[in-house]
Amino acid sequence: MTEAAYLARFRRRTIEAWAKRC
């Protein structure tokens, strides 16, 4: 797994969490 993929996955999870929280 590349750093970009890891970052993208983490970012996507964060955005999803934010959307659910809001």
Protein backbone atom coordinates (compact mmCIF):
# COMPACT_ATOMS: atom_id res chain seq x y z
CA MET A 1 0.00 0.00 0.00
CA THR A 2 1.36 3.41 -0.90
CA GLU A 3 1.27 6.45 1.33
CA ALA A 4 -1.17 8.17 -1.01
CA ALA A 5 -3.61 5.27 -0.78
CA TYR A 6 -3.34 5.21 3.01
CA LEU A 7 -3.90 8.94 3.23
CA ALA A 8 -6.82 8.78 0.81
CA ARG A 9 -8.40 5.99 2.84
CA PHE A 10 -7.91 7.86 6.10
CA ARG A 11 -9.28 11.06 4.60
CA ARG A 12 -12.29 9.25 3.18
CA ARG A 13 -13.00 7.67 6.58
CA THR A 14 -12.70 11.06 8.26
CA ILE A 15 -15.09 12.69 5.79
CA GLU A 16 -17.56 9.83 6.21
CA ALA A 17 -17.37 10.15 9.99
CA TRP A 18 -17.93 13.90 9.76
CA ALA A 19 -20.92 13.45 7.45
CA LYS A 20 -22.42 10.93 9.87
CA ARG A 21 -21.72 13.16 12.84
CA CYS A 22 -23.33 16.20 11.22
